[in-house]
Amino acid sequence: MSVMEKGFLQVYTGDGKGKTTAAIGLAIRAAGAGLNVYFGQFIKQMEYSEVSILKDIDNITWELYGTNGCIFHRPVNKTDMEGVAEGIRKAYKALDCGKYDIVILDEIFIPVSLKMMDKEDVTGLIERKKNNTELILTGRYAPDYVVEMADLVTEMKEVKHYYQKGIKSRKGIEV
């Protein structure tokens, strides 16, 4: 049962680093305050380092939707689509069950941008949000209709990144 009086729709988007990290920070803060958090991740193919900690926090439930690898440099396939469909189903369940004060759907906008989800999938999730549930959606390419519906939108803007110098993801920093 939610202890929040009013929940809002938050969006973390943009091409800069930090969208998932911001959502994780919010999840940890909320858990520290005794709130129950559901954290679902779209398109990520593995458990990143933060997951080992998130899984150990009693009032955070974490799930990964599909594990078919990175979809940025290859065509989307049936297994990818099934993972997204599974994510949508689990997200609805998290929003409907009444257990969670905060529902975070990480990287949801990537499947939207790749036409793996349609507008009705996303607006249906937003409309399903209970009044006392905080819903956080993250990922590059937040659609304009979501930005319009949101109560808070933060855009991460890349100004400079060491990836441009060929630096790979580092354990504990990016993964």
C-alpha atoms as a PDB file:
ATOM      1  CA  MET A   1       0.000   0.000   0.000  1.00  0.00           C
ATOM      2  CA  SER A   2       1.446   3.311  -1.029  1.00  0.00           C
ATOM      3  CA  VAL A   3       2.437   5.872   1.579  1.00  0.00           C
ATOM      4  CA  MET A   4       2.737   8.659  -0.971  1.00  0.00           C
ATOM      5  CA  GLU A   5      -0.023  11.226  -1.093  1.00  0.00           C
ATOM      6  CA  LYS A   6       0.522  12.219  -4.740  1.00  0.00           C
ATOM      7  CA  GLY A   7       2.700  10.540  -7.317  1.00  0.00           C
ATOM      8  CA  PHE A   8       4.020  12.235 -10.424  1.00  0.00           C
ATOM      9  CA  LEU A   9       5.327  11.237 -13.843  1.00  0.00           C
ATOM     10  CA  GLN A  10       9.053  11.892 -14.195  1.00  0.00           C
ATOM     11  CA  VAL A  11      11.079  11.564 -17.401  1.00  0.00           C
ATOM     12  CA  TYR A  12      14.880  11.364 -17.671  1.00  0.00           C
ATOM     13  CA  THR A  13      15.932  11.626 -21.317  1.00  0.00           C
ATOM     14  CA  GLY A  14      18.605  13.044 -23.622  1.00  0.00           C
ATOM     15  CA  ASP A  15      21.848  11.891 -25.187  1.00  0.00           C
ATOM     16  CA  GLY A  16      23.993  12.393 -22.087  1.00  0.00           C
ATOM     17  CA  LYS A  17      25.166   9.904 -19.498  1.00  0.00           C
ATOM     18  CA  GLY A  18      23.242   9.609 -16.241  1.00  0.00           C
ATOM     19  CA  LYS A  19      19.592   8.737 -16.921  1.00  0.00           C
ATOM     20  CA  THR A  20      19.698   5.261 -15.394  1.00  0.00           C
ATOM     21  CA  THR A  21      22.053   6.468 -12.678  1.00  0.00           C
ATOM     22  CA  ALA A  22      19.578   9.179 -11.681  1.00  0.00           C
ATOM     23  CA  ALA A  23      16.766   6.618 -11.532  1.00  0.00           C
ATOM     24  CA  ILE A  24      18.896   4.291  -9.406  1.00  0.00           C
ATOM     25  CA  GLY A  25      19.709   7.147  -7.042  1.00  0.00           C
ATOM     26  CA  LEU A  26      16.018   7.910  -6.675  1.00  0.00           C
ATOM     27  CA  ALA A  27      15.277   4.210  -6.059  1.00  0.00           C
ATOM     28  CA  ILE A  28      17.878   4.019  -3.296  1.00  0.00           C
ATOM     29  CA  ARG A  29      16.654   7.261  -1.723  1.00  0.00           C
ATOM     30  CA  ALA A  30      13.070   5.977  -1.784  1.00  0.00           C
ATOM     31  CA  ALA A  31      14.058   2.607  -0.315  1.00  0.00           C
ATOM     32  CA  GLY A  32      15.912   4.424   2.453  1.00  0.00           C
ATOM     33  CA  ALA A  33      12.669   6.267   3.220  1.00  0.00           C
ATOM     34  CA  GLY A  34      10.780   2.968   3.478  1.00  0.00           C
ATOM     35  CA  LEU A  35       9.065   3.167   0.072  1.00  0.00           C
ATOM     36  CA  ASN A  36       8.612   0.116  -2.158  1.00  0.00           C
ATOM     37  CA  VAL A  37      10.232   0.405  -5.576  1.00  0.00           C
ATOM     38  CA  TYR A  38       9.822  -1.589  -8.766  1.00  0.00           C
ATOM     39  CA  PHE A  39      12.723  -1.178 -11.219  1.00  0.00           C
ATOM     40  CA  GLY A  40      12.222  -2.733 -14.668  1.00  0.00           C
ATOM     41  CA  GLN A  41      14.915  -2.446 -17.344  1.00  0.00           C
ATOM     42  CA  PHE A  42      14.254  -2.684 -21.075  1.00  0.00           C
ATOM     43  CA  ILE A  43      16.905  -3.650 -23.676  1.00  0.00           C
ATOM     44  CA  LYS A  44      19.818  -4.157 -21.301  1.00  0.00           C
ATOM     45  CA  GLN A  45      21.426  -7.487 -22.038  1.00  0.00           C
ATOM     46  CA  MET A  46      23.087  -8.118 -18.701  1.00  0.00           C
ATOM     47  CA  GLU A  47      23.017  -7.276 -15.044  1.00  0.00           C
ATOM     48  CA  TYR A  48      25.132  -4.169 -14.648  1.00  0.00           C
ATOM     49  CA  SER A  49      27.164  -3.724 -11.456  1.00  0.00           C
ATOM     50  CA  GLU A  50      24.477  -1.710  -9.648  1.00  0.00           C
ATOM     51  CA  VAL A  51      22.061  -4.639  -9.846  1.00  0.00           C
ATOM     52  CA  SER A  52      23.995  -6.674  -7.266  1.00  0.00           C
ATOM     53  CA  ILE A  53      23.299  -3.906  -4.730  1.00  0.00           C
ATOM     54  CA  LEU A  54      19.707  -3.242  -5.847  1.00  0.00           C
ATOM     55  CA  LYS A  55      18.847  -6.930  -5.487  1.00  0.00           C
ATOM     56  CA  ASP A  56      20.031  -6.838  -1.871  1.00  0.00           C
ATOM     57  CA  ILE A  57      17.688  -4.011  -0.855  1.00  0.00           C
ATOM     58  CA  ASP A  58      14.512  -5.558   0.538  1.00  0.00           C
ATOM     59  CA  ASN A  59      12.045  -2.981  -0.760  1.00  0.00           C
ATOM     60  CA  ILE A  60      13.422  -2.777  -4.324  1.00  0.00           C
ATOM     61  CA  THR A  61      12.226  -5.300  -6.886  1.00  0.00           C
ATOM     62  CA  TRP A  62      14.425  -5.382 -10.004  1.00  0.00           C
ATOM     63  CA  GLU A  63      13.666  -7.151 -13.301  1.00  0.00           C
ATOM     64  CA  LEU A  64      15.415  -7.297 -16.666  1.00  0.00           C
ATOM     65  CA  TYR A  65      13.158  -7.612 -19.718  1.00  0.00           C
ATOM     66  CA  GLY A  66      14.796  -9.825 -22.294  1.00  0.00           C
ATOM     67  CA  THR A  67      18.471 -10.683 -22.543  1.00  0.00           C
ATOM     68  CA  ASN A  68      19.118 -10.933 -26.271  1.00  0.00           C
ATOM     69  CA  GLY A  69      22.036  -8.524 -26.406  1.00  0.00           C
ATOM     70  CA  CYS A  70      22.498  -5.026 -27.720  1.00  0.00           C
ATOM     71  CA  ILE A  71      19.974  -4.004 -30.380  1.00  0.00           C
ATOM     72  CA  PHE A  72      21.743  -0.895 -31.631  1.00  0.00           C
ATOM     73  CA  HIS A  73      23.896  -2.481 -34.314  1.00  0.00           C
ATOM     74  CA  ARG A  74      21.621  -5.195 -35.679  1.00  0.00           C
ATOM     75  CA  PRO A  75      18.032  -5.698 -36.773  1.00  0.00           C
ATOM     76  CA  VAL A  76      15.382  -6.247 -34.108  1.00  0.00           C
ATOM     77  CA  ASN A  77      14.288  -9.891 -33.985  1.00  0.00           C
ATOM     78  CA  LYS A  78      11.463 -11.963 -32.521  1.00  0.00           C
ATOM     79  CA  THR A  79      13.267 -12.577 -29.229  1.00  0.00           C
ATOM     80  CA  ASP A  80      13.775  -8.815 -28.810  1.00  0.00           C
ATOM     81  CA  MET A  81      10.078  -8.221 -29.431  1.00  0.00           C
ATOM     82  CA  GLU A  82       9.119 -10.924 -26.925  1.00  0.00           C
ATOM     83  CA  GLY A  83      11.355  -9.287 -24.293  1.00  0.00           C
ATOM     84  CA  VAL A  84       9.655  -5.926 -24.806  1.00  0.00           C
ATOM     85  CA  ALA A  85       6.194  -7.528 -24.678  1.00  0.00           C
ATOM     86  CA  GLU A  86       7.204  -9.273 -21.433  1.00  0.00           C
ATOM     87  CA  GLY A  87       8.361  -5.920 -20.068  1.00  0.00           C
ATOM     88  CA  ILE A  88       5.065  -4.253 -20.898  1.00  0.00           C
ATOM     89  CA  ARG A  89       3.141  -7.058 -19.165  1.00  0.00           C
ATOM     90  CA  LYS A  90       5.336  -6.883 -16.063  1.00  0.00           C
ATOM     91  CA  ALA A  91       5.126  -3.089 -15.967  1.00  0.00           C
ATOM     92  CA  TYR A  92       1.311  -3.252 -16.031  1.00  0.00           C
ATOM     93  CA  LYS A  93       1.414  -5.809 -13.241  1.00  0.00           C
ATOM     94  CA  ALA A  94       3.717  -3.582 -11.161  1.00  0.00           C
ATOM     95  CA  LEU A  95       1.419  -0.592 -11.674  1.00  0.00           C
ATOM     96  CA  ASP A  96      -1.725  -2.599 -10.905  1.00  0.00           C
ATOM     97  CA  CYS A  97      -0.685  -4.617  -7.851  1.00  0.00           C
ATOM     98  CA  GLY A  98      -0.699  -1.713  -5.391  1.00  0.00           C
ATOM     99  CA  LYS A  99       2.553  -2.842  -3.776  1.00  0.00           C
ATOM    100  CA  TYR A 100       4.852  -0.185  -5.223  1.00  0.00           C
ATOM    101  CA  ASP A 101       5.147   3.477  -4.343  1.00  0.00           C
ATOM    102  CA  ILE A 102       7.542   4.032  -7.240  1.00  0.00           C
ATOM    103  CA  VAL A 103       7.679   2.259 -10.598  1.00  0.00           C
ATOM    104  CA  ILE A 104      10.779   2.884 -12.713  1.00  0.00           C
ATOM    105  CA  LEU A 105      10.821   1.750 -16.348  1.00  0.00           C
ATOM    106  CA  ASP A 106      14.412   2.189 -17.417  1.00  0.00           C
ATOM    107  CA  GLU A 107      15.300   2.584 -21.116  1.00  0.00           C
ATOM    108  CA  ILE A 108      11.643   2.398 -22.157  1.00  0.00           C
ATOM    109  CA  PHE A 109      12.128   4.991 -24.889  1.00  0.00           C
ATOM    110  CA  ILE A 110      14.632   2.891 -26.871  1.00  0.00           C
ATOM    111  CA  PRO A 111      12.023   0.247 -27.790  1.00  0.00           C
ATOM    112  CA  VAL A 112       9.622   3.100 -28.589  1.00  0.00           C
ATOM    113  CA  SER A 113      12.163   4.715 -30.939  1.00  0.00           C
ATOM    114  CA  LEU A 114      12.791   1.344 -32.634  1.00  0.00           C
ATOM    115  CA  LYS A 115       9.029   0.785 -33.168  1.00  0.00           C
ATOM    116  CA  MET A 116       9.037  -2.170 -30.785  1.00  0.00           C
ATOM    117  CA  MET A 117       6.323  -0.417 -28.761  1.00  0.00           C
ATOM    118  CA  ASP A 118       3.639   1.911 -29.996  1.00  0.00           C
ATOM    119  CA  LYS A 119       2.210   5.087 -28.544  1.00  0.00           C
ATOM    120  CA  GLU A 120      -0.715   3.205 -26.975  1.00  0.00           C
ATOM    121  CA  ASP A 121       1.684   0.916 -25.075  1.00  0.00           C
ATOM    122  CA  VAL A 122       3.353   3.900 -23.439  1.00  0.00           C
ATOM    123  CA  THR A 123       0.281   6.046 -22.842  1.00  0.00           C
ATOM    124  CA  GLY A 124      -1.516   2.980 -21.483  1.00  0.00           C
ATOM    125  CA  LEU A 125       1.202   2.533 -18.868  1.00  0.00           C
ATOM    126  CA  ILE A 126       1.109   6.222 -17.966  1.00  0.00           C
ATOM    127  CA  GLU A 127      -2.679   6.229 -17.698  1.00  0.00           C
ATOM    128  CA  ARG A 128      -2.545   3.074 -15.540  1.00  0.00           C
ATOM    129  CA  LYS A 129      -0.431   4.881 -12.921  1.00  0.00           C
ATOM    130  CA  LYS A 130      -2.339   5.244  -9.686  1.00  0.00           C
ATOM    131  CA  ASN A 131      -2.592   8.727  -8.178  1.00  0.00           C
ATOM    132  CA  ASN A 132      -0.279   7.815  -5.290  1.00  0.00           C
ATOM    133  CA  THR A 133       2.394   6.092  -7.430  1.00  0.00           C
ATOM    134  CA  GLU A 134       5.457   7.854  -8.797  1.00  0.00           C
ATOM    135  CA  LEU A 135       6.287   6.695 -12.335  1.00  0.00           C
ATOM    136  CA  ILE A 136       9.772   7.291 -13.721  1.00  0.00           C
ATOM    137  CA  LEU A 137      10.509   6.658 -17.407  1.00  0.00           C
ATOM    138  CA  THR A 138      14.067   6.828 -18.737  1.00  0.00           C
ATOM    139  CA  GLY A 139      15.888   6.629 -22.041  1.00  0.00           C
ATOM    140  CA  ARG A 140      17.021   8.585 -25.053  1.00  0.00           C
ATOM    141  CA  TYR A 141      14.422   9.879 -27.471  1.00  0.00           C
ATOM    142  CA  ALA A 142      11.473  10.533 -25.143  1.00  0.00           C
ATOM    143  CA  PRO A 143       8.526  11.151 -27.478  1.00  0.00           C
ATOM    144  CA  ASP A 144       6.934  14.596 -27.424  1.00  0.00           C
ATOM    145  CA  TYR A 145       3.612  13.157 -26.242  1.00  0.00           C
ATOM    146  CA  VAL A 146       5.326  11.729 -23.125  1.00  0.00           C
ATOM    147  CA  VAL A 147       7.121  15.010 -22.439  1.00  0.00           C
ATOM    148  CA  GLU A 148       3.743  16.752 -22.615  1.00  0.00           C
ATOM    149  CA  MET A 149       2.172  14.283 -20.158  1.00  0.00           C
ATOM    150  CA  ALA A 150       5.079  14.434 -17.682  1.00  0.00           C
ATOM    151  CA  ASP A 151       5.200  16.478 -14.507  1.00  0.00           C
ATOM    152  CA  LEU A 152       9.018  16.608 -14.473  1.00  0.00           C
ATOM    153  CA  VAL A 153      11.390  16.227 -17.418  1.00  0.00           C
ATOM    154  CA  THR A 154      15.168  16.197 -17.110  1.00  0.00           C
ATOM    155  CA  GLU A 155      17.244  16.150 -20.281  1.00  0.00           C
ATOM    156  CA  MET A 156      20.804  14.889 -19.946  1.00  0.00           C
ATOM    157  CA  LYS A 157      22.944  16.615 -22.550  1.00  0.00           C
ATOM    158  CA  GLU A 158      26.296  15.247 -23.626  1.00  0.00           C
ATOM    159  CA  VAL A 159      28.824  18.056 -23.845  1.00  0.00           C
ATOM    160  CA  LYS A 160      31.957  15.921 -23.868  1.00  0.00           C
ATOM    161  CA  HIS A 161      32.511  12.193 -23.378  1.00  0.00           C
ATOM    162  CA  TYR A 162      35.655  10.063 -23.251  1.00  0.00           C
ATOM    163  CA  TYR A 163      33.935   7.451 -25.461  1.00  0.00           C
ATOM    164  CA  GLN A 164      34.799   9.817 -28.306  1.00  0.00           C
ATOM    165  CA  LYS A 165      38.470   9.044 -27.571  1.00  0.00           C
ATOM    166  CA  GLY A 166      37.837   5.305 -27.800  1.00  0.00           C
ATOM    167  CA  ILE A 167      37.548   4.648 -24.057  1.00  0.00           C
ATOM    168  CA  LYS A 168      35.428   1.556 -23.427  1.00  0.00           C
ATOM    169  CA  SER A 169      32.847   1.096 -20.670  1.00  0.00           C
ATOM    170  CA  ARG A 170      34.519   0.620 -17.310  1.00  0.00           C
ATOM    171  CA  LYS A 171      33.285  -1.698 -14.583  1.00  0.00           C
ATOM    172  CA  GLY A 172      31.860   0.246 -11.679  1.00  0.00           C
ATOM    173  CA  ILE A 173      31.590   3.464 -13.715  1.00  0.00           C
ATOM    174  CA  GLU A 174      29.502   2.636 -16.808  1.00  0.00           C
ATOM    175  CA  VAL A 175      28.732  -1.053 -16.251  1.00  0.00           C
END
